[in-house]
Amino acid sequence: EYLYFIYNLKKVKFPKKAHIDEIIRLVR
């Protein structure tokens, strides 16, 4: 939820779920 909130706050254009999934995987 927090990462989705930051995504919306930054007005990111990448596909939301795929982008957040990749970050979650990257930082373990």
PDB file of all heavy atoms in Angstrom:
ATOM      1  N   GLU A   1       0.835  -1.212   0.000  1.00  0.00           N
ATOM      2  CA  GLU A   1       0.000   0.000   0.000  1.00  0.00           C
ATOM      3  C   GLU A   1       0.861   1.249   0.000  1.00  0.00           C
ATOM      4  O   GLU A   1       0.576   2.223  -0.714  1.00  0.00           O
ATOM      5  CB  GLU A   1      -0.922  -0.003   1.226  1.00  0.00           C
ATOM      6  CG  GLU A   1      -2.079  -0.988   1.144  1.00  0.00           C
ATOM      7  CD  GLU A   1      -2.839  -1.088   2.456  1.00  0.00           C
ATOM      8  OE1 GLU A   1      -2.323  -0.607   3.492  1.00  0.00           O
ATOM      9  OE2 GLU A   1      -3.946  -1.655   2.441  1.00  0.00           O
ATOM     10  N   TYR A   2       1.923   1.226   0.786  1.00  0.00           N
ATOM     11  CA  TYR A   2       2.814   2.383   0.862  1.00  0.00           C
ATOM     12  C   TYR A   2       3.484   2.645  -0.487  1.00  0.00           C
ATOM     13  O   TYR A   2       3.550   3.800  -0.949  1.00  0.00           O
ATOM     14  CB  TYR A   2       3.867   2.157   1.947  1.00  0.00           C
ATOM     15  CG  TYR A   2       4.951   3.205   1.957  1.00  0.00           C
ATOM     16  CD1 TYR A   2       4.706   4.480   2.457  1.00  0.00           C
ATOM     17  CD2 TYR A   2       6.216   2.920   1.454  1.00  0.00           C
ATOM     18  CE1 TYR A   2       5.700   5.452   2.465  1.00  0.00           C
ATOM     19  CE2 TYR A   2       7.215   3.883   1.456  1.00  0.00           C
ATOM     20  CZ  TYR A   2       6.955   5.143   1.952  1.00  0.00           C
ATOM     21  OH  TYR A   2       7.934   6.097   1.944  1.00  0.00           O
ATOM     22  N   LEU A   3       3.953   1.599  -1.138  1.00  0.00           N
ATOM     23  CA  LEU A   3       4.632   1.771  -2.421  1.00  0.00           C
ATOM     24  C   LEU A   3       3.658   2.231  -3.505  1.00  0.00           C
ATOM     25  O   LEU A   3       4.021   3.035  -4.378  1.00  0.00           O
ATOM     26  CB  LEU A   3       5.332   0.474  -2.824  1.00  0.00           C
ATOM     27  CG  LEU A   3       6.487   0.051  -1.896  1.00  0.00           C
ATOM     28  CD1 LEU A   3       7.087  -1.271  -2.359  1.00  0.00           C
ATOM     29  CD2 LEU A   3       7.566   1.125  -1.827  1.00  0.00           C
ATOM     30  N   TYR A   4       2.419   1.751  -3.452  1.00  0.00           N
ATOM     31  CA  TYR A   4       1.400   2.252  -4.380  1.00  0.00           C
ATOM     32  C   TYR A   4       1.131   3.737  -4.121  1.00  0.00           C
ATOM     33  O   TYR A   4       0.932   4.524  -5.070  1.00  0.00           O
ATOM     34  CB  TYR A   4       0.099   1.457  -4.210  1.00  0.00           C
ATOM     35  CG  TYR A   4       0.068   0.132  -4.946  1.00  0.00           C
ATOM     36  CD1 TYR A   4      -1.000  -0.754  -4.767  1.00  0.00           C
ATOM     37  CD2 TYR A   4       1.095  -0.240  -5.809  1.00  0.00           C
ATOM     38  CE1 TYR A   4      -1.042  -1.975  -5.443  1.00  0.00           C
ATOM     39  CE2 TYR A   4       1.069  -1.453  -6.485  1.00  0.00           C
ATOM     40  CZ  TYR A   4      -0.001  -2.321  -6.292  1.00  0.00           C
ATOM     41  OH  TYR A   4      -0.036  -3.523  -6.958  1.00  0.00           O
ATOM     42  N   PHE A   5       1.107   4.117  -2.849  1.00  0.00           N
ATOM     43  CA  PHE A   5       0.902   5.526  -2.484  1.00  0.00           C
ATOM     44  C   PHE A   5       2.022   6.396  -3.055  1.00  0.00           C
ATOM     45  O   PHE A   5       1.766   7.461  -3.639  1.00  0.00           O
ATOM     46  CB  PHE A   5       0.840   5.646  -0.958  1.00  0.00           C
ATOM     47  CG  PHE A   5       0.834   7.060  -0.463  1.00  0.00           C
ATOM     48  CD1 PHE A   5      -0.301   7.851  -0.582  1.00  0.00           C
ATOM     49  CD2 PHE A   5       1.971   7.615   0.127  1.00  0.00           C
ATOM     50  CE1 PHE A   5      -0.306   9.168  -0.122  1.00  0.00           C
ATOM     51  CE2 PHE A   5       1.971   8.916   0.585  1.00  0.00           C
ATOM     52  CZ  PHE A   5       0.835   9.697   0.454  1.00  0.00           C
ATOM     53  N   ILE A   6       3.264   5.951  -2.906  1.00  0.00           N
ATOM     54  CA  ILE A   6       4.405   6.702  -3.443  1.00  0.00           C
ATOM     55  C   ILE A   6       4.337   6.759  -4.966  1.00  0.00           C
ATOM     56  O   ILE A   6       4.621   7.795  -5.581  1.00  0.00           O
ATOM     57  CB  ILE A   6       5.743   6.054  -2.995  1.00  0.00           C
ATOM     58  CG1 ILE A   6       5.875   6.123  -1.468  1.00  0.00           C
ATOM     59  CG2 ILE A   6       6.930   6.742  -3.657  1.00  0.00           C
ATOM     60  CD1 ILE A   6       5.916   7.527  -0.905  1.00  0.00           C
ATOM     61  N   TYR A   7       3.917   5.658  -5.578  1.00  0.00           N
ATOM     62  CA  TYR A   7       3.765   5.601  -7.034  1.00  0.00           C
ATOM     63  C   TYR A   7       2.787   6.696  -7.508  1.00  0.00           C
ATOM     64  O   TYR A   7       3.064   7.439  -8.457  1.00  0.00           O
ATOM     65  CB  TYR A   7       3.260   4.207  -7.430  1.00  0.00           C
ATOM     66  CG  TYR A   7       2.925   4.033  -8.889  1.00  0.00           C
ATOM     67  CD1 TYR A   7       3.837   3.460  -9.765  1.00  0.00           C
ATOM     68  CD2 TYR A   7       1.673   4.423  -9.380  1.00  0.00           C
ATOM     69  CE1 TYR A   7       3.522   3.288 -11.112  1.00  0.00           C
ATOM     70  CE2 TYR A   7       1.355   4.257 -10.722  1.00  0.00           C
ATOM     71  CZ  TYR A   7       2.284   3.691 -11.580  1.00  0.00           C
ATOM     72  OH  TYR A   7       1.962   3.534 -12.904  1.00  0.00           O
ATOM     73  N   ASN A   8       1.656   6.792  -6.835  1.00  0.00           N
ATOM     74  CA  ASN A   8       0.656   7.794  -7.216  1.00  0.00           C
ATOM     75  C   ASN A   8       1.159   9.203  -6.929  1.00  0.00           C
ATOM     76  O   ASN A   8       0.913  10.133  -7.709  1.00  0.00           O
ATOM     77  CB  ASN A   8      -0.660   7.538  -6.473  1.00  0.00           C
ATOM     78  CG  ASN A   8      -1.314   6.234  -6.897  1.00  0.00           C
ATOM     79  OD1 ASN A   8      -1.164   5.792  -8.027  1.00  0.00           O
ATOM     80  ND2 ASN A   8      -2.029   5.594  -5.974  1.00  0.00           N
ATOM     81  N   LEU A   9       1.861   9.365  -5.808  1.00  0.00           N
ATOM     82  CA  LEU A   9       2.374  10.676  -5.427  1.00  0.00           C
ATOM     83  C   LEU A   9       3.377  11.193  -6.461  1.00  0.00           C
ATOM     84  O   LEU A   9       3.395  12.384  -6.799  1.00  0.00           O
ATOM     85  CB  LEU A   9       3.048  10.571  -4.051  1.00  0.00           C
ATOM     86  CG  LEU A   9       3.266  11.861  -3.264  1.00  0.00           C
ATOM     87  CD1 LEU A   9       1.934  12.512  -2.918  1.00  0.00           C
ATOM     88  CD2 LEU A   9       4.058  11.549  -1.995  1.00  0.00           C
ATOM     89  N   LYS A  10       4.204  10.302  -6.964  1.00  0.00           N
ATOM     90  CA  LYS A  10       5.224  10.687  -7.951  1.00  0.00           C
ATOM     91  C   LYS A  10       4.676  10.750  -9.380  1.00  0.00           C
ATOM     92  O   LYS A  10       5.402  11.142 -10.298  1.00  0.00           O
ATOM     93  CB  LYS A  10       6.389   9.691  -7.904  1.00  0.00           C
ATOM     94  CG  LYS A  10       7.241   9.778  -6.646  1.00  0.00           C
ATOM     95  CD  LYS A  10       8.444   8.837  -6.746  1.00  0.00           C
ATOM     96  CE  LYS A  10       9.370   8.972  -5.563  1.00  0.00           C
ATOM     97  NZ  LYS A  10      10.577   8.097  -5.684  1.00  0.00           N
ATOM     98  N   LYS A  11       3.433  10.327  -9.566  1.00  0.00           N
ATOM     99  CA  LYS A  11       2.793  10.334 -10.894  1.00  0.00           C
ATOM    100  C   LYS A  11       3.617   9.525 -11.904  1.00  0.00           C
ATOM    101  O   LYS A  11       3.919   9.973 -13.011  1.00  0.00           O
ATOM    102  CB  LYS A  11       2.601  11.764 -11.391  1.00  0.00           C
ATOM    103  CG  LYS A  11       1.723  12.614 -10.490  1.00  0.00           C
ATOM    104  CD  LYS A  11       1.606  14.026 -10.994  1.00  0.00           C
ATOM    105  CE  LYS A  11       0.748  14.871 -10.054  1.00  0.00           C
ATOM    106  NZ  LYS A  11       0.644  16.280 -10.524  1.00  0.00           N
ATOM    107  N   VAL A  12       3.995   8.331 -11.488  1.00  0.00           N
ATOM    108  CA  VAL A  12       4.821   7.458 -12.316  1.00  0.00           C
ATOM    109  C   VAL A  12       3.996   6.924 -13.485  1.00  0.00           C
ATOM    110  O   VAL A  12       2.796   6.639 -13.345  1.00  0.00           O
ATOM    111  CB  VAL A  12       5.383   6.294 -11.463  1.00  0.00           C
ATOM    112  CG1 VAL A  12       6.217   5.356 -12.327  1.00  0.00           C
ATOM    113  CG2 VAL A  12       6.206   6.838 -10.313  1.00  0.00           C
ATOM    114  N   LYS A  13       4.637   6.775 -14.638  1.00  0.00           N
ATOM    115  CA  LYS A  13       3.937   6.334 -15.852  1.00  0.00           C
ATOM    116  C   LYS A  13       4.102   4.840 -16.141  1.00  0.00           C
ATOM    117  O   LYS A  13       3.420   4.298 -16.999  1.00  0.00           O
ATOM    118  CB  LYS A  13       4.452   7.128 -17.056  1.00  0.00           C
ATOM    119  CG  LYS A  13       4.292   8.638 -16.918  1.00  0.00           C
ATOM    120  CD  LYS A  13       2.838   9.037 -16.743  1.00  0.00           C
ATOM    121  CE  LYS A  13       2.683  10.557 -16.661  1.00  0.00           C
ATOM    122  NZ  LYS A  13       1.285  10.970 -16.414  1.00  0.00           N
ATOM    123  N   PHE A  14       5.029   4.167 -15.418  1.00  0.00           N
ATOM    124  CA  PHE A  14       5.216   2.739 -15.653  1.00  0.00           C
ATOM    125  C   PHE A  14       3.966   1.965 -15.212  1.00  0.00           C
ATOM    126  O   PHE A  14       3.217   2.427 -14.338  1.00  0.00           O
ATOM    127  CB  PHE A  14       6.420   2.209 -14.868  1.00  0.00           C
ATOM    128  CG  PHE A  14       7.718   2.880 -15.205  1.00  0.00           C
ATOM    129  CD1 PHE A  14       8.491   3.481 -14.217  1.00  0.00           C
ATOM    130  CD2 PHE A  14       8.185   2.923 -16.508  1.00  0.00           C
ATOM    131  CE1 PHE A  14       9.683   4.100 -14.513  1.00  0.00           C
ATOM    132  CE2 PHE A  14       9.386   3.540 -16.820  1.00  0.00           C
ATOM    133  CZ  PHE A  14      10.136   4.136 -15.830  1.00  0.00           C
ATOM    134  N   PRO A  15       3.726   0.774 -15.782  1.00  0.00           N
ATOM    135  CA  PRO A  15       2.616  -0.076 -15.290  1.00  0.00           C
ATOM    136  C   PRO A  15       2.770  -0.325 -13.793  1.00  0.00           C
ATOM    137  O   PRO A  15       3.812  -0.815 -13.343  1.00  0.00           O
ATOM    138  CB  PRO A  15       2.789  -1.368 -16.104  1.00  0.00           C
ATOM    139  CG  PRO A  15       3.486  -0.948 -17.353  1.00  0.00           C
ATOM    140  CD  PRO A  15       4.416   0.160 -16.936  1.00  0.00           C
ATOM    141  N   LYS A  16       1.756   0.040 -13.030  1.00  0.00           N
ATOM    142  CA  LYS A  16       1.887   0.075 -11.573  1.00  0.00           C
ATOM    143  C   LYS A  16       2.302  -1.262 -10.964  1.00  0.00           C
ATOM    144  O   LYS A  16       3.329  -1.347 -10.285  1.00  0.00           O
ATOM    145  CB  LYS A  16       0.580   0.545 -10.936  1.00  0.00           C
ATOM    146  CG  LYS A  16       0.646   0.619  -9.408  1.00  0.00           C
ATOM    147  CD  LYS A  16      -0.705   0.935  -8.772  1.00  0.00           C
ATOM    148  CE  LYS A  16      -1.068   2.376  -8.972  1.00  0.00           C
ATOM    149  NZ  LYS A  16      -2.280   2.741  -8.166  1.00  0.00           N
ATOM    150  N   LYS A  17       1.538  -2.292 -11.169  1.00  0.00           N
ATOM    151  CA  LYS A  17       1.801  -3.563 -10.489  1.00  0.00           C
ATOM    152  C   LYS A  17       3.156  -4.146 -10.891  1.00  0.00           C
ATOM    153  O   LYS A  17       3.933  -4.579 -10.036  1.00  0.00           O
ATOM    154  CB  LYS A  17       0.697  -4.580 -10.772  1.00  0.00           C
ATOM    155  CG  LYS A  17       0.855  -5.877  -9.973  1.00  0.00           C
ATOM    156  CD  LYS A  17      -0.308  -6.823 -10.215  1.00  0.00           C
ATOM    157  CE  LYS A  17      -0.200  -8.054  -9.308  1.00  0.00           C
ATOM    158  NZ  LYS A  17       1.081  -8.765  -9.437  1.00  0.00           N
ATOM    159  N   ALA A  18       3.435  -4.142 -12.174  1.00  0.00           N
ATOM    160  CA  ALA A  18       4.701  -4.707 -12.649  1.00  0.00           C
ATOM    161  C   ALA A  18       5.888  -3.925 -12.083  1.00  0.00           C
ATOM    162  O   ALA A  18       6.904  -4.518 -11.677  1.00  0.00           O
ATOM    163  CB  ALA A  18       4.734  -4.705 -14.171  1.00  0.00           C
ATOM    164  N   HIS A  19       5.765  -2.604 -12.038  1.00  0.00           N
ATOM    165  CA  HIS A  19       6.855  -1.757 -11.538  1.00  0.00           C
ATOM    166  C   HIS A  19       7.093  -1.998 -10.048  1.00  0.00           C
ATOM    167  O   HIS A  19       8.232  -2.189  -9.614  1.00  0.00           O
ATOM    168  CB  HIS A  19       6.507  -0.290 -11.797  1.00  0.00           C
ATOM    169  CG  HIS A  19       7.563   0.678 -11.349  1.00  0.00           C
ATOM    170  ND1 HIS A  19       8.885   0.580 -11.732  1.00  0.00           N
ATOM    171  CD2 HIS A  19       7.483   1.769 -10.528  1.00  0.00           C
ATOM    172  CE1 HIS A  19       9.582   1.569 -11.187  1.00  0.00           C
ATOM    173  NE2 HIS A  19       8.756   2.300 -10.443  1.00  0.00           N
ATOM    174  N   ILE A  20       6.019  -2.021  -9.263  1.00  0.00           N
ATOM    175  CA  ILE A  20       6.156  -2.240  -7.818  1.00  0.00           C
ATOM    176  C   ILE A  20       6.629  -3.665  -7.534  1.00  0.00           C
ATOM    177  O   ILE A  20       7.451  -3.890  -6.638  1.00  0.00           O
ATOM    178  CB  ILE A  20       4.822  -1.946  -7.092  1.00  0.00           C
ATOM    179  CG1 ILE A  20       4.418  -0.484  -7.282  1.00  0.00           C
ATOM    180  CG2 ILE A  20       4.946  -2.280  -5.603  1.00  0.00           C
ATOM    181  CD1 ILE A  20       5.446   0.534  -6.818  1.00  0.00           C
ATOM    182  N   ASP A  21       6.148  -4.630  -8.300  1.00  0.00           N
ATOM    183  CA  ASP A  21       6.606  -6.016  -8.138  1.00  0.00           C
ATOM    184  C   ASP A  21       8.120  -6.113  -8.327  1.00  0.00           C
ATOM    185  O   ASP A  21       8.809  -6.811  -7.577  1.00  0.00           O
ATOM    186  CB  ASP A  21       5.908  -6.939  -9.141  1.00  0.00           C
ATOM    187  CG  ASP A  21       4.468  -7.248  -8.755  1.00  0.00           C
ATOM    188  OD1 ASP A  21       4.083  -6.948  -7.611  1.00  0.00           O
ATOM    189  OD2 ASP A  21       3.734  -7.789  -9.607  1.00  0.00           O
ATOM    190  N   GLU A  22       8.632  -5.428  -9.329  1.00  0.00           N
ATOM    191  CA  GLU A  22      10.069  -5.467  -9.618  1.00  0.00           C
ATOM    192  C   GLU A  22      10.875  -4.842  -8.484  1.00  0.00           C
ATOM    193  O   GLU A  22      11.919  -5.368  -8.079  1.00  0.00           O
ATOM    194  CB  GLU A  22      10.345  -4.729 -10.930  1.00  0.00           C
ATOM    195  CG  GLU A  22      11.817  -4.573 -11.285  1.00  0.00           C
ATOM    196  CD  GLU A  22      12.527  -5.894 -11.496  1.00  0.00           C
ATOM    197  OE1 GLU A  22      11.840  -6.927 -11.698  1.00  0.00           O
ATOM    198  OE2 GLU A  22      13.774  -5.913 -11.441  1.00  0.00           O
ATOM    199  N   ILE A  23      10.385  -3.742  -7.934  1.00  0.00           N
ATOM    200  CA  ILE A  23      11.088  -3.082  -6.823  1.00  0.00           C
ATOM    201  C   ILE A  23      11.075  -3.973  -5.584  1.00  0.00           C
ATOM    202  O   ILE A  23      12.094  -4.124  -4.900  1.00  0.00           O
ATOM    203  CB  ILE A  23      10.443  -1.713  -6.518  1.00  0.00           C
ATOM    204  CG1 ILE A  23      10.712  -0.739  -7.671  1.00  0.00           C
ATOM    205  CG2 ILE A  23      10.981  -1.145  -5.205  1.00  0.00           C
ATOM    206  CD1 ILE A  23       9.983   0.576  -7.538  1.00  0.00           C
ATOM    207  N   ILE A  24       9.937  -4.557  -5.283  1.00  0.00           N
ATOM    208  CA  ILE A  24       9.823  -5.450  -4.125  1.00  0.00           C
ATOM    209  C   ILE A  24      10.791  -6.618  -4.252  1.00  0.00           C
ATOM    210  O   ILE A  24      11.440  -7.018  -3.282  1.00  0.00           O
ATOM    211  CB  ILE A  24       8.365  -5.945  -3.981  1.00  0.00           C
ATOM    212  CG1 ILE A  24       7.474  -4.806  -3.465  1.00  0.00           C
ATOM    213  CG2 ILE A  24       8.278  -7.151  -3.045  1.00  0.00           C
ATOM    214  CD1 ILE A  24       5.993  -5.148  -3.427  1.00  0.00           C
ATOM    215  N   ARG A  25      10.886  -7.162  -5.451  1.00  0.00           N
ATOM    216  CA  ARG A  25      11.830  -8.263  -5.684  1.00  0.00           C
ATOM    217  C   ARG A  25      13.283  -7.791  -5.543  1.00  0.00           C
ATOM    218  O   ARG A  25      14.110  -8.464  -4.920  1.00  0.00           O
ATOM    219  CB  ARG A  25      11.613  -8.833  -7.088  1.00  0.00           C
ATOM    220  CG  ARG A  25      12.496 -10.040  -7.408  1.00  0.00           C
ATOM    221  CD  ARG A  25      12.555 -10.294  -8.890  1.00  0.00           C
ATOM    222  NE  ARG A  25      13.142  -9.175  -9.604  1.00  0.00           N
ATOM    223  CZ  ARG A  25      14.456  -8.934  -9.634  1.00  0.00           C
ATOM    224  NH1 ARG A  25      15.301  -9.721  -8.983  1.00  0.00           N
ATOM    225  NH2 ARG A  25      14.928  -7.901 -10.304  1.00  0.00           N
ATOM    226  N   LEU A  26      13.565  -6.610  -6.077  1.00  0.00           N
ATOM    227  CA  LEU A  26      14.935  -6.093  -6.070  1.00  0.00           C
ATOM    228  C   LEU A  26      15.452  -5.860  -4.657  1.00  0.00           C
ATOM    229  O   LEU A  26      16.596  -6.209  -4.336  1.00  0.00           O
ATOM    230  CB  LEU A  26      14.998  -4.786  -6.868  1.00  0.00           C
ATOM    231  CG  LEU A  26      16.367  -4.103  -6.969  1.00  0.00           C
ATOM    232  CD1 LEU A  26      17.354  -4.989  -7.704  1.00  0.00           C
ATOM    233  CD2 LEU A  26      16.224  -2.750  -7.664  1.00  0.00           C
ATOM    234  N   VAL A  27      14.627  -5.265  -3.779  1.00  0.00           N
ATOM    235  CA  VAL A  27      15.082  -4.963  -2.426  1.00  0.00           C
ATOM    236  C   VAL A  27      14.777  -6.093  -1.437  1.00  0.00           C
ATOM    237  O   VAL A  27      15.012  -5.959  -0.241  1.00  0.00           O
ATOM    238  CB  VAL A  27      14.494  -3.630  -1.911  1.00  0.00           C
ATOM    239  CG1 VAL A  27      14.884  -2.483  -2.809  1.00  0.00           C
ATOM    240  CG2 VAL A  27      12.985  -3.699  -1.788  1.00  0.00           C
ATOM    241  N   ARG A  28      14.243  -7.189  -1.957  1.00  0.00           N
ATOM    242  CA  ARG A  28      14.029  -8.412  -1.176  1.00  0.00           C
ATOM    243  C   ARG A  28      13.109  -8.196   0.024  1.00  0.00           C
ATOM    244  O   ARG A  28      13.462  -8.460   1.166  1.00  0.00           O
ATOM    245  CB  ARG A  28      15.370  -8.986  -0.734  1.00  0.00           C
ATOM    246  CG  ARG A  28      16.230  -9.443  -1.904  1.00  0.00           C
ATOM    247  CD  ARG A  28      17.636  -9.768  -1.486  1.00  0.00           C
ATOM    248  NE  ARG A  28      17.652 -10.834  -0.485  1.00  0.00           N
ATOM    249  CZ  ARG A  28      18.760 -11.225   0.144  1.00  0.00           C
ATOM    250  NH1 ARG A  28      19.909 -10.642  -0.108  1.00  0.00           N
ATOM    251  NH2 ARG A  28      18.700 -12.200   1.025  1.00  0.00           N
TER     252      ARG A  28
END
